[in-house]
Amino acid sequence: MTAQSDYQTALQEVGKLAQWESRRITGRPSPNDTNQIFRQYKGSIAAPMIDDLKSGSWKKLESWQLNGMLQYLSTYGTSAAVSPLRDIEKDYPVDQIKQQAKELADLLATLDVAVSEARKLKSVSDAISSGDTDKMARAMLLALAQLDPDWPVRASAIQSDLFKLSADSFPAINELASGKLSEDDVTKALVEILFAEFLTPPGTTP
């Protein structure tokens, strides 16, 4: 299937969901449910969705539909979405959607610069050439850490919270284990628990 046909199929699924929800008290799907339908197609439908918004389709969409699209584009959107997002920010009649579009457009505008600069780095180009997904993810994250001044700050905050949770848990664990575990052992186990979905090899059970 092509990206366009995938997109049309996703819209049909959203339409069916809307018909089903119309029989219930809420009367319409939640933006999150709409987003989840789009996310089933990962990034494949981002380009046709952006083209659709560029054509002005957003003018005919209800807020829950557009909200779901914006949620999806917050993950898979590209700088090509900035133009229609600015139009939505300016002219859509719902303030919440206008603010959501503004924040996403601001993010994607800066993303364009970051992506352009990251592509110039040898570590990134080598990782892309290798075809190794782990290498690509690592190289690209490290590139963003260099290029985005906010990235190290946010990463440090996550790291600090993780270490604090580990430190707060350690006294009870230390007593339970009769001193046989170190703080590093507890931190390692915590990371494995929190990110088991990504650390467990495919086909195995955590």
Protein backbone atom coordinates (compact mmCIF):
# COMPACT_ATOMS: atom_id res chain seq x y z
CA MET A 1 0.00 0.00 0.00
CA THR A 2 1.10 3.54 -0.70
CA ALA A 3 1.36 6.25 1.92
CA GLN A 4 -1.70 7.94 0.43
CA SER A 5 -3.80 4.78 0.57
CA ASP A 6 -2.65 4.16 4.14
CA TYR A 7 -3.74 7.68 5.01
CA GLN A 8 -7.14 7.23 3.41
CA THR A 9 -7.57 3.94 5.28
CA ALA A 10 -6.70 5.68 8.55
CA LEU A 11 -9.29 8.39 7.83
CA GLN A 12 -11.88 5.70 7.15
CA GLU A 13 -11.07 4.07 10.49
CA VAL A 14 -11.47 7.42 12.21
CA GLY A 15 -14.82 7.84 10.45
CA LYS A 16 -16.02 4.43 11.64
CA LEU A 17 -14.93 5.28 15.17
CA ALA A 18 -16.89 8.54 14.95
CA GLN A 19 -20.00 6.65 13.87
CA TRP A 20 -19.63 4.25 16.79
CA GLU A 21 -19.04 7.03 19.31
CA SER A 22 -22.07 8.96 18.03
CA ARG A 23 -24.25 6.32 19.71
CA ARG A 24 -22.64 6.94 23.08
CA ILE A 25 -22.93 9.76 25.61
CA THR A 26 -19.74 11.53 24.49
CA GLY A 27 -20.97 11.64 20.90
CA ARG A 28 -17.49 11.80 19.39
CA PRO A 29 -14.08 10.09 19.67
CA SER A 30 -11.38 11.54 21.88
CA PRO A 31 -8.38 13.16 20.17
CA ASN A 32 -6.20 10.50 21.79
CA ASP A 33 -8.23 7.68 20.19
CA THR A 34 -7.86 9.41 16.83
CA ASN A 35 -4.13 9.78 17.37
CA GLN A 36 -3.81 6.09 18.23
CA ILE A 37 -5.40 5.13 14.91
CA PHE A 38 -2.91 7.31 13.04
CA ARG A 39 0.02 5.97 15.07
CA GLN A 40 -0.73 2.43 13.91
CA TYR A 41 0.79 3.52 10.60
CA LYS A 42 3.88 4.96 12.32
CA GLY A 43 5.39 7.71 10.17
CA SER A 44 4.11 6.49 6.81
CA ILE A 45 1.06 8.76 6.69
CA ALA A 46 2.74 11.97 7.89
CA ALA A 47 3.49 13.30 4.39
CA PRO A 48 -0.03 12.82 2.94
CA MET A 49 -1.53 14.21 6.15
CA ILE A 50 0.62 17.34 5.86
CA ASP A 51 -0.33 17.69 2.17
CA ASP A 52 -3.99 17.35 3.16
CA LEU A 53 -3.65 20.12 5.74
CA LYS A 54 -1.85 22.29 3.18
CA SER A 55 -4.86 21.94 0.89
CA GLY A 56 -6.98 23.58 3.58
CA SER A 57 -8.79 20.46 4.80
CA TRP A 58 -8.34 21.66 8.39
CA LYS A 59 -11.02 24.28 7.80
CA LYS A 60 -13.63 21.50 7.61
CA LEU A 61 -12.39 19.42 10.53
CA GLU A 62 -13.93 19.34 13.99
CA SER A 63 -11.61 20.12 16.88
CA TRP A 64 -11.31 16.49 18.03
CA GLN A 65 -10.22 15.42 14.53
CA LEU A 66 -7.66 18.18 14.17
CA ASN A 67 -6.44 17.70 17.73
CA GLY A 68 -5.76 14.03 16.96
CA MET A 69 -3.83 14.98 13.82
CA LEU A 70 -1.73 17.51 15.71
CA GLN A 71 -0.96 14.93 18.38
CA TYR A 72 0.21 12.55 15.66
CA LEU A 73 2.31 15.24 13.96
CA SER A 74 3.96 16.09 17.28
CA THR A 75 5.73 12.74 16.83
CA TYR A 76 5.95 12.29 13.06
CA GLY A 77 5.65 15.82 11.72
CA THR A 78 8.36 17.51 9.66
CA SER A 79 9.23 21.10 8.82
CA ALA A 80 6.84 20.82 5.84
CA ALA A 81 3.98 21.05 8.35
CA VAL A 82 5.01 24.49 9.62
CA SER A 83 3.12 26.42 6.92
CA PRO A 84 -0.34 24.82 7.42
CA LEU A 85 0.19 24.88 11.18
CA ARG A 86 0.71 28.65 11.02
CA ASP A 87 -2.54 28.93 9.06
CA ILE A 88 -4.34 26.89 11.73
CA GLU A 89 -2.75 29.01 14.45
CA LYS A 90 -4.06 32.13 12.75
CA ASP A 91 -7.55 31.16 11.59
CA TYR A 92 -8.94 28.07 13.39
CA PRO A 93 -11.85 29.14 15.60
CA VAL A 94 -10.86 27.12 18.71
CA ASP A 95 -8.23 28.72 20.96
CA GLN A 96 -6.89 25.42 22.30
CA ILE A 97 -6.22 24.16 18.78
CA LYS A 98 -4.64 27.47 17.79
CA GLN A 99 -2.24 27.24 20.73
CA GLN A 100 -1.49 23.58 20.01
CA ALA A 101 -0.71 24.45 16.38
CA LYS A 102 1.53 27.34 17.40
CA GLU A 103 3.58 25.23 19.82
CA LEU A 104 3.98 22.44 17.26
CA ALA A 105 4.93 24.88 14.47
CA ASP A 106 7.54 26.47 16.74
CA LEU A 107 8.97 23.04 17.54
CA LEU A 108 9.09 21.85 13.92
CA ALA A 109 10.66 25.10 12.75
CA THR A 110 13.61 24.59 15.10
CA LEU A 111 13.68 20.89 14.21
CA ASP A 112 14.39 21.77 10.58
CA VAL A 113 17.61 23.53 11.58
CA ALA A 114 18.66 20.70 13.91
CA VAL A 115 18.08 18.04 11.25
CA SER A 116 20.01 20.02 8.65
CA GLU A 117 22.99 20.44 10.99
CA ALA A 118 22.88 16.84 12.22
CA ARG A 119 23.08 15.52 8.65
CA LYS A 120 26.46 17.27 8.29
CA LEU A 121 27.99 15.25 11.15
CA LYS A 122 30.13 12.29 10.05
CA SER A 123 28.95 10.15 12.96
CA VAL A 124 25.36 10.54 11.80
CA SER A 125 26.09 9.92 8.10
CA ASP A 126 28.19 6.85 8.98
CA ALA A 127 25.42 5.47 11.19
CA ILE A 128 22.82 6.00 8.44
CA SER A 129 25.08 4.27 5.92
CA SER A 130 25.52 1.30 8.27
CA GLY A 131 21.78 0.61 8.35
CA ASP A 132 22.13 -0.41 12.01
CA THR A 133 19.10 0.99 13.87
CA ASP A 134 20.86 1.02 17.25
CA LYS A 135 23.83 2.94 15.83
CA MET A 136 21.52 5.40 14.09
CA ALA A 137 19.49 6.07 17.23
CA ARG A 138 22.62 6.59 19.35
CA ALA A 139 24.38 8.80 16.80
CA MET A 140 21.31 10.95 16.24
CA LEU A 141 20.63 11.38 19.96
CA LEU A 142 24.23 12.41 20.55
CA ALA A 143 23.98 14.82 17.62
CA LEU A 144 20.89 16.44 19.12
CA ALA A 145 22.70 16.65 22.45
CA GLN A 146 25.35 18.75 20.69
CA LEU A 147 23.00 20.89 18.62
CA ASP A 148 20.02 21.50 20.91
CA PRO A 149 20.97 23.48 24.04
CA ASP A 150 17.80 22.30 25.78
CA TRP A 151 18.48 18.60 25.18
CA PRO A 152 21.25 18.09 27.80
CA VAL A 153 19.19 20.03 30.36
CA ARG A 154 16.17 17.78 29.88
CA ALA A 155 18.30 14.63 29.80
CA SER A 156 20.01 15.68 33.02
CA ALA A 157 16.65 16.24 34.71
CA ILE A 158 15.52 12.72 33.75
CA GLN A 159 18.81 11.28 34.96
CA SER A 160 18.55 13.15 38.27
CA ASP A 161 15.00 11.89 38.86
CA LEU A 162 16.06 8.33 38.10
CA PHE A 163 19.01 8.47 40.50
CA LYS A 164 16.81 10.02 43.21
CA LEU A 165 14.23 7.24 42.87
CA SER A 166 17.02 4.68 43.10
CA ALA A 167 18.54 6.38 46.17
CA ASP A 168 15.13 6.62 47.88
CA SER A 169 14.53 2.91 47.25
CA PHE A 170 17.95 1.75 48.36
CA PRO A 171 17.57 1.77 52.21
CA ALA A 172 14.63 -0.68 52.13
CA ILE A 173 16.32 -2.84 49.48
CA ASN A 174 19.58 -2.80 51.43
CA GLU A 175 17.79 -4.13 54.51
CA LEU A 176 15.85 -6.74 52.53
CA ALA A 177 19.05 -7.95 50.83
CA SER A 178 21.08 -7.86 54.04
CA GLY A 179 23.62 -5.54 52.43
CA LYS A 180 24.29 -7.80 49.44
CA LEU A 181 23.29 -5.21 46.83
CA SER A 182 25.04 -1.95 45.96
CA GLU A 183 23.38 1.30 44.91
CA ASP A 184 24.67 0.65 41.38
CA ASP A 185 22.91 -2.74 41.38
CA VAL A 186 19.64 -1.05 42.32
CA THR A 187 20.03 1.71 39.71
CA LYS A 188 20.78 -0.85 36.98
CA ALA A 189 17.71 -2.90 37.96
CA LEU A 190 15.56 0.24 37.97
CA VAL A 191 16.64 1.15 34.44
CA GLU A 192 15.91 -2.39 33.27
CA ILE A 193 12.44 -2.32 34.86
CA LEU A 194 11.50 1.11 33.50
CA PHE A 195 12.74 0.39 29.99
CA ALA A 196 12.10 -3.36 29.78
CA GLU A 197 10.02 -2.87 26.63
CA PHE A 198 13.08 -1.55 24.79
CA LEU A 199 15.79 -3.65 26.43
CA THR A 200 14.17 -7.07 26.06
CA PRO A 201 15.21 -8.87 22.86
CA PRO A 202 12.31 -9.55 20.44
CA GLY A 203 10.56 -12.86 21.03
CA THR A 204 11.50 -13.10 24.71
CA THR A 205 9.50 -12.43 27.85
CA PRO A 206 10.78 -9.83 30.35
